[in-house]
């Protein structure tokens, strides 16, 4: 039997088999996420393609995030974005990668982002923006920015993490509404207690005061110790009646409803000066018409809390108060010449948040659509500024 003939493959077949084996090995490497880029030679020259399979574990983590993740060049071109960000801006991922991140920002936010990118470091920084989405809606978002290593780039790229703030803002709005409701309930209860104190307790104390005064007057000088005790009792009852009346006034001053904010600021400042020795000066230029009741109450409570802070912490000798209205915005500025505090000391601010009541005052202002700022410095006194826009038609002429 003749042995079978074995034909040697031609050189062309060998080359094709080698290229096929190389292609299969490349595909397997791509599937396993072991390939970062592929260089393809074409008529227009070599082209580099970045593969989603690169750094497979890292990419799986990024893609599974509930936050958007991006890499930007120095000119804000998007080198990479995950699917979560594409869903946020309601655009296909292929239309996001390679485009400018500026397309998703308003003009003012673009200016802020440009400044932050210039100052960004490896420590990172944050910004609150409204993302312009593909369906012409806006998405509230927080962007965390961090400068990355150059890795071959002329200028270091930036890593961005984008957080959808829609749910957080909804919860914040609900908490603020709850806080406002609590304040309303507190004010209602304060008014009820103030009325009870004024109409019942104070009247009864005044009746007892008259009785003690009559008793002291009926005793002759010869009664000696008994008359002294009656006079002392009358004085003590008078002090108690005055203190109860002061508490009733602090809970809900009737003068606020009857005569308005300016009158109650003057009365409260006068009472504070007489009691503490700290002068309170109310500057001219107050609004020429009555403010809405909720705004007047908010400003009075802030003024009341500020005087409490001055008495307990400031060691001040003078307080100046300016209440003005201009361009539909009412402004209350309260300054003292006390010891102040370091507003840049975060530990001190956390410590003083409950003591000084700044958080509560800010909530008071926010409840009527306003803002409150605090300026202070060591041995430089403290300034509280409240600005509240008035509803249309409520501005003073």
Protein backbone atom coordinates (compact mmCIF):
# COMPACT_ATOMS: atom_id res chain seq x y z
CA UNK A 1 0.00 0.00 0.00
CA UNK A 2 1.34 3.34 -0.95
CA UNK A 3 1.70 5.90 1.86
CA UNK A 4 -0.74 8.88 1.72
CA UNK A 5 0.62 12.02 0.36
CA UNK A 6 0.84 14.98 2.77
CA UNK A 7 0.69 18.32 1.08
CA UNK A 8 2.46 21.15 2.81
CA UNK A 9 0.28 24.26 3.14
CA UNK A 10 1.25 27.11 0.98
CA UNK A 11 2.85 30.17 2.58
CA UNK A 12 -0.36 32.15 1.99
CA UNK A 13 -2.43 29.61 3.95
CA UNK A 14 0.08 29.68 6.81
CA UNK A 15 -0.16 33.46 6.98
CA UNK A 16 -3.99 33.35 6.96
CA UNK A 17 -4.03 30.76 9.75
CA UNK A 18 -1.64 32.87 11.81
CA UNK A 19 -3.77 35.99 11.32
CA UNK A 20 -6.92 34.00 12.20
CA UNK A 21 -5.30 32.71 15.41
CA UNK A 22 -4.18 36.24 16.27
CA UNK A 23 -7.69 37.59 15.64
CA UNK A 24 -9.25 34.88 17.83
CA UNK A 25 -6.76 35.62 20.62
CA UNK A 26 -7.54 39.34 20.34
CA UNK A 27 -11.29 38.71 20.54
CA UNK A 28 -10.83 36.54 23.61
CA UNK A 29 -8.71 39.23 25.24
CA UNK A 30 -11.37 41.85 24.42
CA UNK A 31 -14.08 39.65 25.94
CA UNK A 32 -12.02 39.22 29.12
CA UNK A 33 -11.47 42.99 29.36
CA UNK A 34 -7.71 42.71 28.91
CA UNK A 35 -7.48 45.16 25.99
CA UNK A 36 -7.54 48.91 26.50
CA UNK A 37 -7.28 50.14 22.90
CA UNK A 38 -7.08 48.71 19.40
CA UNK A 39 -5.00 50.27 16.63
CA UNK A 40 -6.57 49.74 13.20
CA UNK A 41 -4.73 50.59 10.00
CA UNK A 42 -6.92 51.98 7.28
CA UNK A 43 -6.77 54.16 4.18
CA UNK A 44 -6.78 57.29 6.31
CA UNK A 45 -3.95 56.02 8.48
CA UNK A 46 -3.89 54.32 11.87
CA UNK A 47 -6.97 54.88 14.07
CA UNK A 48 -7.14 54.28 17.81
CA UNK A 49 -10.34 52.85 19.32
CA UNK A 50 -10.92 52.76 23.09
CA UNK A 51 -12.70 49.63 24.23
CA UNK A 52 -15.31 49.38 26.97
CA UNK A 53 -13.70 46.16 28.08
CA UNK A 54 -10.54 47.88 29.32
CA UNK A 55 -9.97 47.78 33.04
CA UNK A 56 -12.97 45.50 33.24
CA UNK A 57 -13.43 45.42 37.02
CA UNK A 58 -13.12 49.18 37.33
CA UNK A 59 -15.58 49.77 34.49
CA UNK A 60 -18.11 47.33 35.94
CA UNK A 61 -17.95 49.32 39.19
CA UNK A 62 -18.38 52.65 37.42
CA UNK A 63 -21.25 51.39 35.28
CA UNK A 64 -23.05 49.98 38.34
CA UNK A 65 -22.94 53.32 40.16
CA UNK A 66 -26.14 55.24 40.80
CA UNK A 67 -24.23 58.42 40.02
CA UNK A 68 -22.90 59.82 36.79
CA UNK A 69 -19.17 59.49 36.19
CA UNK A 70 -17.20 61.44 33.59
CA UNK A 71 -13.68 62.21 32.52
CA UNK A 72 -13.13 65.64 30.94
CA UNK A 73 -10.21 67.17 29.13
CA UNK A 74 -9.02 70.63 30.09
CA UNK A 75 -11.32 72.12 27.41
CA UNK A 76 -14.31 70.18 28.90
CA UNK A 77 -14.51 67.53 26.17
CA UNK A 78 -16.06 64.32 27.54
CA UNK A 79 -13.54 61.48 27.17
CA UNK A 80 -15.64 59.00 29.09
CA UNK A 81 -19.14 58.86 30.58
CA UNK A 82 -21.07 56.01 32.14
CA UNK A 83 -24.60 54.97 31.28
CA UNK A 84 -25.99 56.56 34.44
CA UNK A 85 -24.93 60.02 33.30
CA UNK A 86 -26.39 59.38 29.85
CA UNK A 87 -29.70 58.50 31.48
CA UNK A 88 -29.51 61.65 33.62
CA UNK A 89 -29.18 63.94 30.61
CA UNK A 90 -31.52 61.77 28.51
CA UNK A 91 -29.07 61.38 25.63
CA UNK A 92 -27.62 58.26 23.98
CA UNK A 93 -24.17 57.48 25.35
CA UNK A 94 -22.60 57.68 21.90
CA UNK A 95 -23.82 61.29 21.62
CA UNK A 96 -22.43 62.15 25.05
CA UNK A 97 -18.88 60.83 24.68
CA UNK A 98 -16.81 63.18 22.56
CA UNK A 99 -19.12 66.16 23.05
CA UNK A 100 -18.52 69.19 25.24
CA UNK A 101 -19.77 69.05 28.82
CA UNK A 102 -20.77 72.71 28.45
CA UNK A 103 -23.76 71.68 26.32
CA UNK A 104 -25.41 70.36 29.47
CA UNK A 105 -24.94 73.59 31.48
CA UNK A 106 -26.55 77.01 31.45
CA UNK A 107 -24.38 80.03 30.67
CA UNK A 108 -23.99 81.09 34.36
CA UNK A 109 -23.13 77.52 35.40
CA UNK A 110 -20.56 77.33 32.59
CA UNK A 111 -18.80 80.39 34.01
CA UNK A 112 -18.77 78.90 37.53
CA UNK A 113 -17.53 75.53 36.26
CA UNK A 114 -14.72 77.18 34.28
CA UNK A 115 -13.52 78.95 37.43
CA UNK A 116 -13.71 75.78 39.48
CA UNK A 117 -11.76 73.77 36.90
CA UNK A 118 -9.02 76.38 37.03
CA UNK A 119 -8.80 76.01 40.81
CA UNK A 120 -9.56 72.29 41.08
CA UNK A 121 -7.01 70.10 42.82
CA UNK A 122 -6.68 66.47 43.81
CA UNK A 123 -8.56 67.37 47.00
CA UNK A 124 -11.66 68.08 44.90
CA UNK A 125 -14.43 70.64 44.96
CA UNK A 126 -18.23 70.66 44.52
CA UNK A 127 -20.82 72.71 42.67
CA UNK A 128 -24.63 72.73 42.50
CA UNK A 129 -26.00 73.12 38.94
CA UNK A 130 -29.05 72.56 36.77
CA UNK A 131 -28.22 70.09 33.98
CA UNK A 132 -29.81 70.87 30.61
CA UNK A 133 -31.14 67.50 29.42
CA UNK A 134 -31.84 66.22 25.95
CA UNK A 135 -35.59 66.70 26.32
CA UNK A 136 -35.17 70.40 27.23
CA UNK A 137 -35.87 69.85 30.93
CA UNK A 138 -33.58 70.70 33.85
CA UNK A 139 -32.12 68.29 36.39
CA UNK A 140 -30.78 69.57 39.75
CA UNK A 141 -27.38 68.00 40.29
CA UNK A 142 -24.28 68.21 42.42
CA UNK A 143 -20.94 67.83 40.65
CA UNK A 144 -17.82 66.71 42.50
CA UNK A 145 -14.67 67.70 40.59
CA UNK A 146 -11.19 66.26 41.03
CA UNK A 147 -8.05 66.79 38.98
CA UNK A 148 -6.54 63.53 37.70
CA UNK A 149 -3.00 62.51 36.78
CA UNK A 150 -1.78 63.59 33.34
CA UNK A 151 -1.04 60.06 32.01
CA UNK A 152 0.27 61.36 28.71
CA UNK A 153 -2.02 64.38 28.42
CA UNK A 154 -0.50 67.83 28.05
CA UNK A 155 -2.94 69.09 30.66
CA UNK A 156 -4.34 66.96 33.45
CA UNK A 157 -7.91 65.78 32.81
CA UNK A 158 -10.70 66.02 35.37
CA UNK A 159 -12.82 63.36 36.99
CA UNK A 160 -16.44 64.28 37.69
CA UNK A 161 -19.06 62.52 39.77
CA UNK A 162 -22.59 63.81 39.10
CA UNK A 163 -25.29 63.22 41.70
CA UNK A 164 -28.98 63.61 40.92
CA UNK A 165 -30.33 65.96 43.62
CA UNK A 166 -34.02 65.64 42.69
CA UNK A 167 -34.88 63.32 45.58
CA UNK A 168 -32.64 65.17 48.02
CA UNK A 169 -34.29 68.47 47.17
CA UNK A 170 -37.74 66.91 47.51
CA UNK A 171 -36.87 65.62 50.98
CA UNK A 172 -35.34 68.99 51.90
CA UNK A 173 -38.51 70.75 50.78
CA UNK A 174 -40.63 68.38 52.85
CA UNK A 175 -38.43 68.90 55.91
CA UNK A 176 -38.58 72.67 55.44
CA UNK A 177 -42.36 72.53 55.13
CA UNK A 178 -42.47 70.43 58.31
CA UNK A 179 -40.22 72.93 60.09
CA UNK A 180 -42.48 75.78 58.99
CA UNK A 181 -45.52 73.89 60.20
CA UNK A 182 -43.84 73.34 63.58
CA UNK A 183 -43.07 77.07 63.78
CA UNK A 184 -46.71 77.89 63.00
CA UNK A 185 -47.91 75.51 65.71
CA UNK A 186 -45.40 77.01 68.15
CA UNK A 187 -46.60 80.54 67.38
CA UNK A 188 -50.23 79.50 67.85
CA UNK A 189 -49.40 77.90 71.19
CA UNK A 190 -47.34 80.90 72.25
CA UNK A 191 -50.25 83.19 71.48
CA UNK A 192 -52.61 81.01 73.50
CA UNK A 193 -50.26 80.87 76.51
CA UNK A 194 -49.58 84.62 76.29
CA UNK A 195 -53.30 85.31 76.31
CA UNK A 196 -53.80 83.00 79.31
CA UNK A 197 -51.00 84.72 81.21
CA UNK A 198 -52.24 88.20 80.40
CA UNK A 199 -55.97 87.69 80.89
CA UNK A 200 -55.87 85.35 83.88
CA UNK A 201 -52.58 85.00 85.75
CA UNK A 202 -51.57 88.65 85.49
CA UNK A 203 -55.04 89.88 86.52
CA UNK A 204 -55.07 87.57 89.52
CA UNK A 205 -51.60 88.71 90.53
CA UNK A 206 -52.70 92.34 90.23
CA UNK A 207 -55.70 91.58 92.46
CA UNK A 208 -53.40 89.96 95.04
CA UNK A 209 -51.08 92.96 94.75
CA UNK A 210 -53.93 95.35 95.59
CA UNK A 211 -54.95 93.17 98.54
CA UNK A 212 -51.39 93.10 99.88
CA UNK A 213 -51.14 96.85 99.41
CA UNK A 214 -54.39 97.33 101.34
CA UNK A 215 -53.09 95.01 104.04
CA UNK A 216 -49.86 96.95 104.35
CA UNK A 217 -51.79 100.22 104.52
CA UNK A 218 -54.10 98.91 107.25
CA UNK A 219 -51.22 98.09 109.54
CA UNK A 220 -50.09 100.89 111.79
CA UNK A 221 -46.51 101.92 112.11
CA UNK A 222 -46.55 100.54 115.63
CA UNK A 223 -47.07 97.04 114.27
CA UNK A 224 -43.38 97.11 113.32
CA UNK A 225 -42.22 93.71 111.88
CA UNK A 226 -45.70 92.80 110.57
CA UNK A 227 -45.94 95.98 108.53
CA UNK A 228 -42.42 95.46 107.10
CA UNK A 229 -43.31 91.93 106.04
CA UNK A 230 -46.53 93.16 104.41
CA UNK A 231 -44.62 95.81 102.45
CA UNK A 232 -42.01 93.26 101.39
CA UNK A 233 -44.77 90.86 100.30
CA UNK A 234 -46.39 93.62 98.24
CA UNK A 235 -43.06 94.34 96.48
CA UNK A 236 -42.46 90.65 95.75
CA UNK A 237 -45.92 90.24 94.24
CA UNK A 238 -45.33 93.35 92.12
CA UNK A 239 -42.06 91.89 90.78
CA UNK A 240 -43.76 88.56 90.00
CA UNK A 241 -46.61 90.33 88.17
CA UNK A 242 -44.10 92.35 86.13
CA UNK A 243 -42.10 89.21 85.23
CA UNK A 244 -45.23 87.33 84.16
CA UNK A 245 -46.21 90.30 81.99
CA UNK A 246 -42.73 90.34 80.43
CA UNK A 247 -42.94 86.61 79.66
CA UNK A 248 -46.38 87.14 78.12
CA UNK A 249 -44.98 89.97 75.99
CA UNK A 250 -42.05 87.82 74.81
CA UNK A 251 -44.35 84.96 73.89
CA UNK A 252 -46.56 87.15 71.71
CA UNK A 253 -46.45 90.95 71.99
CA UNK A 254 -49.89 92.40 71.39
CA UNK A 255 -48.24 95.60 70.15
CA UNK A 256 -46.96 93.68 67.09
CA UNK A 257 -50.51 92.99 65.91
CA UNK A 258 -51.81 96.41 66.88
CA UNK A 259 -49.05 98.85 65.89
CA UNK A 260 -46.67 96.85 63.71
CA UNK A 261 -43.03 95.82 63.57
CA UNK A 262 -41.36 99.21 64.07
CA UNK A 263 -43.28 99.85 67.29
CA UNK A 264 -42.46 96.43 68.74
CA UNK A 265 -38.77 96.79 67.81
CA UNK A 266 -38.64 100.10 69.67
CA UNK A 267 -40.50 98.71 72.70
CA UNK A 268 -38.39 95.55 72.85
CA UNK A 269 -35.16 97.53 72.41
CA UNK A 270 -36.14 99.93 75.19
CA UNK A 271 -37.01 97.09 77.57
CA UNK A 272 -33.73 95.33 76.72
CA UNK A 273 -31.68 98.49 77.30
CA UNK A 274 -33.37 99.19 80.63
CA UNK A 275 -32.82 95.63 81.81
CA UNK A 276 -29.24 95.03 80.58
CA UNK A 277 -27.70 98.49 80.24
CA UNK A 278 -26.84 97.81 76.56
CA UNK A 279 -28.03 100.70 74.40
CA UNK A 280 -30.21 99.83 71.41
CA UNK A 281 -30.54 102.40 68.62
CA UNK A 282 -33.15 101.98 65.89
CA UNK A 283 -32.13 103.92 62.78
CA UNK A 284 -34.58 105.90 60.70
CA UNK A 285 -35.69 104.79 57.25
CA UNK A 286 -38.15 102.07 58.22
CA UNK A 287 -40.86 100.95 55.73
CA UNK A 288 -43.68 103.43 55.24
CA UNK A 289 -46.43 100.78 55.26
CA UNK A 290 -47.24 97.69 57.31
CA UNK A 291 -45.44 94.53 56.19
CA UNK A 292 -47.24 91.19 55.82
CA UNK A 293 -47.94 89.64 59.23
CA UNK A 294 -45.76 86.56 58.67
CA UNK A 295 -42.77 88.70 57.64
CA UNK A 296 -43.21 91.02 60.63
CA UNK A 297 -43.35 88.05 62.98
CA UNK A 298 -40.25 86.43 61.42
CA UNK A 299 -38.24 89.66 61.69
CA UNK A 300 -39.35 90.21 65.28
CA UNK A 301 -38.34 86.68 66.30
CA UNK A 302 -34.93 87.12 64.64
CA UNK A 303 -34.48 90.45 66.45
CA UNK A 304 -35.54 88.82 69.71
CA UNK A 305 -33.07 85.93 69.27
CA UNK A 306 -30.26 88.33 68.33
CA UNK A 307 -30.76 90.39 71.50
CA UNK A 308 -30.71 87.15 73.48
CA UNK A 309 -27.34 86.30 71.90
CA UNK A 310 -26.02 89.78 72.67
CA UNK A 311 -27.06 89.46 76.31
CA UNK A 312 -25.62 85.96 76.78
CA UNK A 313 -22.47 85.96 74.63
CA UNK A 314 -21.47 89.22 72.97
CA UNK A 315 -20.39 91.39 75.94
CA UNK A 316 -21.50 94.35 73.84
CA UNK A 317 -22.25 97.92 74.95
CA UNK A 318 -24.16 99.14 71.90
CA UNK A 319 -26.55 97.59 69.38
CA UNK A 320 -27.72 99.35 66.21
CA UNK A 321 -30.80 98.28 64.26
CA UNK A 322 -31.73 99.36 60.72
CA UNK A 323 -35.01 98.32 59.09
CA UNK A 324 -35.41 99.44 55.47
CA UNK A 325 -37.43 98.56 52.39
CA UNK A 326 -36.15 99.21 48.88
CA UNK A 327 -37.03 97.70 45.53
CA UNK A 328 -39.52 95.25 46.99
CA UNK A 329 -37.01 93.83 49.51
CA UNK A 330 -37.18 94.48 53.24
CA UNK A 331 -33.84 94.40 55.04
CA UNK A 332 -33.08 94.15 58.75
CA UNK A 333 -29.49 94.74 59.88
CA UNK A 334 -28.49 94.28 63.53
CA UNK A 335 -24.94 95.15 64.62
CA UNK A 336 -23.26 94.92 68.00
CA UNK A 337 -19.81 96.00 69.20
CA UNK A 338 -19.18 92.83 71.20
CA UNK A 339 -16.33 90.34 71.22
CA UNK A 340 -17.58 88.57 68.09
CA UNK A 341 -16.26 85.19 66.99
CA UNK A 342 -14.19 83.71 64.17
CA UNK A 343 -16.71 82.97 61.41
CA UNK A 344 -14.07 80.87 59.59
CA UNK A 345 -13.60 78.53 62.56
CA UNK A 346 -15.70 75.52 61.54
CA UNK A 347 -15.36 73.86 64.93
CA UNK A 348 -16.56 77.03 66.66
CA UNK A 349 -19.47 77.35 64.25
CA UNK A 350 -20.53 73.76 64.95
CA UNK A 351 -20.21 74.41 68.68
CA UNK A 352 -22.14 77.68 68.52
CA UNK A 353 -24.89 76.50 66.18
CA UNK A 354 -27.13 75.43 69.02
CA UNK A 355 -25.96 78.16 71.43
CA UNK A 356 -26.39 81.14 69.16
CA UNK A 357 -29.46 79.93 67.33
CA UNK A 358 -28.18 80.93 63.88
CA UNK A 359 -29.73 77.84 62.34
CA UNK A 360 -33.14 78.68 63.77
CA UNK A 361 -32.89 82.29 62.60
CA UNK A 362 -31.98 81.17 59.08
CA UNK A 363 -35.00 78.87 59.07
CA UNK A 364 -37.18 81.76 60.20
CA UNK A 365 -35.96 83.85 57.29
CA UNK A 366 -36.22 80.98 54.79
CA UNK A 367 -39.81 80.29 55.88
CA UNK A 368 -40.85 83.66 54.39
CA UNK A 369 -38.58 83.38 51.34
CA UNK A 370 -35.66 85.35 52.75
CA UNK A 371 -31.99 84.87 53.56
CA UNK A 372 -29.89 85.54 56.65
CA UNK A 373 -26.15 86.14 56.70
CA UNK A 374 -23.84 86.44 59.68
CA UNK A 375 -20.62 88.49 59.64
CA UNK A 376 -18.30 88.43 62.61
CA UNK A 377 -14.69 88.42 63.63
CA UNK A 378 -12.62 88.15 66.78
CA UNK A 379 -13.06 91.40 68.73
CA UNK A 380 -14.92 92.85 65.71
CA UNK A 381 -18.53 92.49 66.79
CA UNK A 382 -21.28 90.67 64.93
CA UNK A 383 -23.64 91.73 62.15
CA UNK A 384 -26.88 89.93 61.29
CA UNK A 385 -28.42 90.83 57.92
CA UNK A 386 -31.85 89.59 56.87
CA UNK A 387 -33.23 90.17 53.38
CA UNK A 388 -36.80 89.20 52.53
CA UNK A 389 -38.47 89.89 49.16
CA UNK A 390 -41.99 91.24 49.57
CA UNK A 391 -44.92 89.67 47.69
CA UNK A 392 -46.08 91.65 44.63
CA UNK A 393 -48.24 94.58 45.66
CA UNK A 394 -46.89 94.61 49.23
CA UNK A 395 -43.86 96.86 48.63
CA UNK A 396 -43.90 100.26 50.25
CA UNK A 397 -44.44 103.26 48.00
